[in-house]
Amino acid sequence: MTMDMKRFANTPQPPYYAVIFTSLRNADDAAGYGEAAERMVELASQVPGFLGVESTRDEAGFGLTVSYWADPVAITAWRTQVEHAETRQRGRRTWYDHFEVRVARVERAYNWSRWPANE
């Protein structure tokens, strides 16, 4: 498996849910942001029903993070997790100029790969 393939979440067969977080970062506190982002993935992975995450950001600060969840109960558990709630507030104060959150039910999913599954 190539390094880029490791960036894909390993999700089950649908249905499941996706929380789509798009954001525009400013240049403030890049180190603090990086640490917090890693911590949020660590915390999310401890929530029952967390399925995975995929994330990217461009040089202009536009980012896209999609987290995958088994059901709405898991999403609510994540949203109300105390450290996550505190970090969201810090993001509003410090890191983001704008963000949007969308929640969607994944009804169908498929993939294709140039590489065999065992590489």
C-alpha atoms as a PDB file:
ATOM      1  CA  MET A   1       0.000   0.000   0.000  1.00  0.00           C
ATOM      2  CA  THR A   2       1.395   3.411  -0.897  1.00  0.00           C
ATOM      3  CA  MET A   3       1.690   6.176   1.676  1.00  0.00           C
ATOM      4  CA  ASP A   4      -1.207   8.071   0.059  1.00  0.00           C
ATOM      5  CA  MET A   5      -3.471   5.035   0.386  1.00  0.00           C
ATOM      6  CA  LYS A   6      -3.045   5.185   4.166  1.00  0.00           C
ATOM      7  CA  ARG A   7      -4.828   8.557   4.107  1.00  0.00           C
ATOM      8  CA  PHE A   8      -8.125   6.878   3.183  1.00  0.00           C
ATOM      9  CA  ALA A   9     -10.530   5.815   5.917  1.00  0.00           C
ATOM     10  CA  ASN A  10     -11.391   2.128   5.970  1.00  0.00           C
ATOM     11  CA  THR A  11     -15.179   2.349   6.155  1.00  0.00           C
ATOM     12  CA  PRO A  12     -17.702  -0.512   6.306  1.00  0.00           C
ATOM     13  CA  GLN A  13     -20.487  -1.162   3.837  1.00  0.00           C
ATOM     14  CA  PRO A  14     -23.153   1.588   3.974  1.00  0.00           C
ATOM     15  CA  PRO A  15     -25.193   2.905   5.513  1.00  0.00           C
ATOM     16  CA  TYR A  16     -23.057   5.035   7.800  1.00  0.00           C
ATOM     17  CA  TYR A  17     -22.650   8.770   8.349  1.00  0.00           C
ATOM     18  CA  ALA A  18     -20.157  11.414   7.257  1.00  0.00           C
ATOM     19  CA  VAL A  19     -19.489  14.695   9.035  1.00  0.00           C
ATOM     20  CA  ILE A  20     -17.999  17.053   6.475  1.00  0.00           C
ATOM     21  CA  PHE A  21     -15.995  19.933   7.948  1.00  0.00           C
ATOM     22  CA  THR A  22     -14.740  22.552   5.504  1.00  0.00           C
ATOM     23  CA  SER A  23     -12.699  25.414   6.869  1.00  0.00           C
ATOM     24  CA  LEU A  24     -10.568  28.410   6.037  1.00  0.00           C
ATOM     25  CA  ARG A  25      -7.586  28.679   8.379  1.00  0.00           C
ATOM     26  CA  ASN A  26      -5.745  31.843   9.137  1.00  0.00           C
ATOM     27  CA  ALA A  27      -1.995  31.974   9.815  1.00  0.00           C
ATOM     28  CA  ASP A  28      -2.303  32.213  13.628  1.00  0.00           C
ATOM     29  CA  ASP A  29      -0.792  29.580  15.940  1.00  0.00           C
ATOM     30  CA  ALA A  30       0.091  26.949  13.338  1.00  0.00           C
ATOM     31  CA  ALA A  31       1.907  24.775  15.884  1.00  0.00           C
ATOM     32  CA  GLY A  32      -1.026  24.843  18.310  1.00  0.00           C
ATOM     33  CA  TYR A  33      -3.412  24.001  15.501  1.00  0.00           C
ATOM     34  CA  GLY A  34      -1.351  20.999  14.406  1.00  0.00           C
ATOM     35  CA  GLU A  35      -1.187  19.628  17.936  1.00  0.00           C
ATOM     36  CA  ALA A  36      -4.914  20.135  18.452  1.00  0.00           C
ATOM     37  CA  ALA A  37      -5.784  18.477  15.133  1.00  0.00           C
ATOM     38  CA  GLU A  38      -3.768  15.381  16.052  1.00  0.00           C
ATOM     39  CA  ARG A  39      -5.380  15.295  19.493  1.00  0.00           C
ATOM     40  CA  MET A  40      -8.892  15.522  18.003  1.00  0.00           C
ATOM     41  CA  VAL A  41      -8.258  12.460  15.804  1.00  0.00           C
ATOM     42  CA  GLU A  42      -6.897  10.613  18.829  1.00  0.00           C
ATOM     43  CA  LEU A  43      -9.986  11.521  20.885  1.00  0.00           C
ATOM     44  CA  ALA A  44     -12.460  10.797  18.083  1.00  0.00           C
ATOM     45  CA  SER A  45     -11.000   7.332  17.644  1.00  0.00           C
ATOM     46  CA  GLN A  46     -11.952   6.588  21.254  1.00  0.00           C
ATOM     47  CA  VAL A  47     -15.643   7.333  20.666  1.00  0.00           C
ATOM     48  CA  PRO A  48     -17.712   4.187  20.042  1.00  0.00           C
ATOM     49  CA  GLY A  49     -18.994   4.325  16.468  1.00  0.00           C
ATOM     50  CA  PHE A  50     -16.037   6.255  15.027  1.00  0.00           C
ATOM     51  CA  LEU A  51     -15.115   4.694  11.667  1.00  0.00           C
ATOM     52  CA  GLY A  52     -12.286   6.862  10.367  1.00  0.00           C
ATOM     53  CA  VAL A  53     -11.240  10.250   9.065  1.00  0.00           C
ATOM     54  CA  GLU A  54      -9.779  11.797   5.915  1.00  0.00           C
ATOM     55  CA  SER A  55      -8.322  15.284   5.870  1.00  0.00           C
ATOM     56  CA  THR A  56      -6.422  17.676   3.620  1.00  0.00           C
ATOM     57  CA  ARG A  57      -5.516  21.368   3.541  1.00  0.00           C
ATOM     58  CA  ASP A  58      -4.092  23.518   0.751  1.00  0.00           C
ATOM     59  CA  GLU A  59      -1.495  26.292   0.894  1.00  0.00           C
ATOM     60  CA  ALA A  60      -4.198  28.989   0.976  1.00  0.00           C
ATOM     61  CA  GLY A  61      -5.650  27.530   4.191  1.00  0.00           C
ATOM     62  CA  PHE A  62      -8.743  25.826   2.765  1.00  0.00           C
ATOM     63  CA  GLY A  63      -9.257  22.474   4.445  1.00  0.00           C
ATOM     64  CA  LEU A  64     -11.594  19.541   4.171  1.00  0.00           C
ATOM     65  CA  THR A  65     -12.009  16.921   6.873  1.00  0.00           C
ATOM     66  CA  VAL A  66     -14.535  14.107   6.619  1.00  0.00           C
ATOM     67  CA  SER A  67     -15.090  11.953   9.663  1.00  0.00           C
ATOM     68  CA  TYR A  68     -17.124   8.765   9.381  1.00  0.00           C
ATOM     69  CA  TRP A  69     -19.519   7.477  12.029  1.00  0.00           C
ATOM     70  CA  ALA A  70     -21.704   4.424  12.521  1.00  0.00           C
ATOM     71  CA  ASP A  71     -24.808   6.394  13.527  1.00  0.00           C
ATOM     72  CA  PRO A  72     -26.151   9.740  14.767  1.00  0.00           C
ATOM     73  CA  VAL A  73     -25.649   8.668  18.401  1.00  0.00           C
ATOM     74  CA  ALA A  74     -21.890   8.410  17.788  1.00  0.00           C
ATOM     75  CA  ILE A  75     -21.861  11.842  16.124  1.00  0.00           C
ATOM     76  CA  THR A  76     -23.646  13.368  19.120  1.00  0.00           C
ATOM     77  CA  ALA A  77     -21.210  11.697  21.512  1.00  0.00           C
ATOM     78  CA  TRP A  78     -18.342  13.276  19.577  1.00  0.00           C
ATOM     79  CA  ARG A  79     -19.988  16.691  19.382  1.00  0.00           C
ATOM     80  CA  THR A  80     -20.571  16.743  23.136  1.00  0.00           C
ATOM     81  CA  GLN A  81     -17.145  15.361  24.116  1.00  0.00           C
ATOM     82  CA  VAL A  82     -15.773  18.011  26.499  1.00  0.00           C
ATOM     83  CA  GLU A  83     -12.264  18.443  25.094  1.00  0.00           C
ATOM     84  CA  HIS A  84     -13.635  18.520  21.542  1.00  0.00           C
ATOM     85  CA  ALA A  85     -16.126  21.248  22.526  1.00  0.00           C
ATOM     86  CA  GLU A  86     -13.324  23.303  24.115  1.00  0.00           C
ATOM     87  CA  THR A  87     -11.153  22.890  21.029  1.00  0.00           C
ATOM     88  CA  ARG A  88     -14.018  24.011  18.767  1.00  0.00           C
ATOM     89  CA  GLN A  89     -14.236  27.226  20.800  1.00  0.00           C
ATOM     90  CA  ARG A  90     -10.473  27.715  20.507  1.00  0.00           C
ATOM     91  CA  GLY A  91     -10.799  27.243  16.756  1.00  0.00           C
ATOM     92  CA  ARG A  92     -13.395  29.993  16.529  1.00  0.00           C
ATOM     93  CA  ARG A  93     -11.208  32.333  18.600  1.00  0.00           C
ATOM     94  CA  THR A  94      -7.834  31.536  17.060  1.00  0.00           C
ATOM     95  CA  TRP A  95      -7.543  29.355  13.958  1.00  0.00           C
ATOM     96  CA  TYR A  96     -10.495  29.764  11.609  1.00  0.00           C
ATOM     97  CA  ASP A  97     -11.758  32.641   9.521  1.00  0.00           C
ATOM     98  CA  HIS A  98     -14.728  30.535   8.392  1.00  0.00           C
ATOM     99  CA  PHE A  99     -15.992  26.970   8.594  1.00  0.00           C
ATOM    100  CA  GLU A 100     -18.988  24.886   7.630  1.00  0.00           C
ATOM    101  CA  VAL A 101     -20.231  21.543   8.953  1.00  0.00           C
ATOM    102  CA  ARG A 102     -22.505  19.197   7.041  1.00  0.00           C
ATOM    103  CA  VAL A 103     -23.786  15.805   8.170  1.00  0.00           C
ATOM    104  CA  ALA A 104     -24.782  13.227   5.570  1.00  0.00           C
ATOM    105  CA  ARG A 105     -25.913   9.626   5.525  1.00  0.00           C
ATOM    106  CA  VAL A 106     -23.780   7.555   3.157  1.00  0.00           C
ATOM    107  CA  GLU A 107     -26.120   5.322   1.176  1.00  0.00           C
ATOM    108  CA  ARG A 108     -23.680   3.987  -1.391  1.00  0.00           C
ATOM    109  CA  ALA A 109     -19.901   3.756  -1.597  1.00  0.00           C
ATOM    110  CA  TYR A 110     -17.412   2.107  -3.919  1.00  0.00           C
ATOM    111  CA  ASN A 111     -13.723   2.367  -4.696  1.00  0.00           C
ATOM    112  CA  TRP A 112     -11.056   1.523  -7.211  1.00  0.00           C
ATOM    113  CA  SER A 113      -7.327   1.165  -6.780  1.00  0.00           C
ATOM    114  CA  ARG A 114      -4.381   0.729  -9.090  1.00  0.00           C
ATOM    115  CA  TRP A 115      -2.587  -1.227  -6.362  1.00  0.00           C
ATOM    116  CA  PRO A 116      -3.448  -4.702  -5.096  1.00  0.00           C
ATOM    117  CA  ALA A 117      -5.043  -4.738  -1.633  1.00  0.00           C
ATOM    118  CA  ASN A 118      -2.026  -6.431  -0.042  1.00  0.00           C
ATOM    119  CA  GLU A 119       0.635  -3.902  -1.156  1.00  0.00           C
END
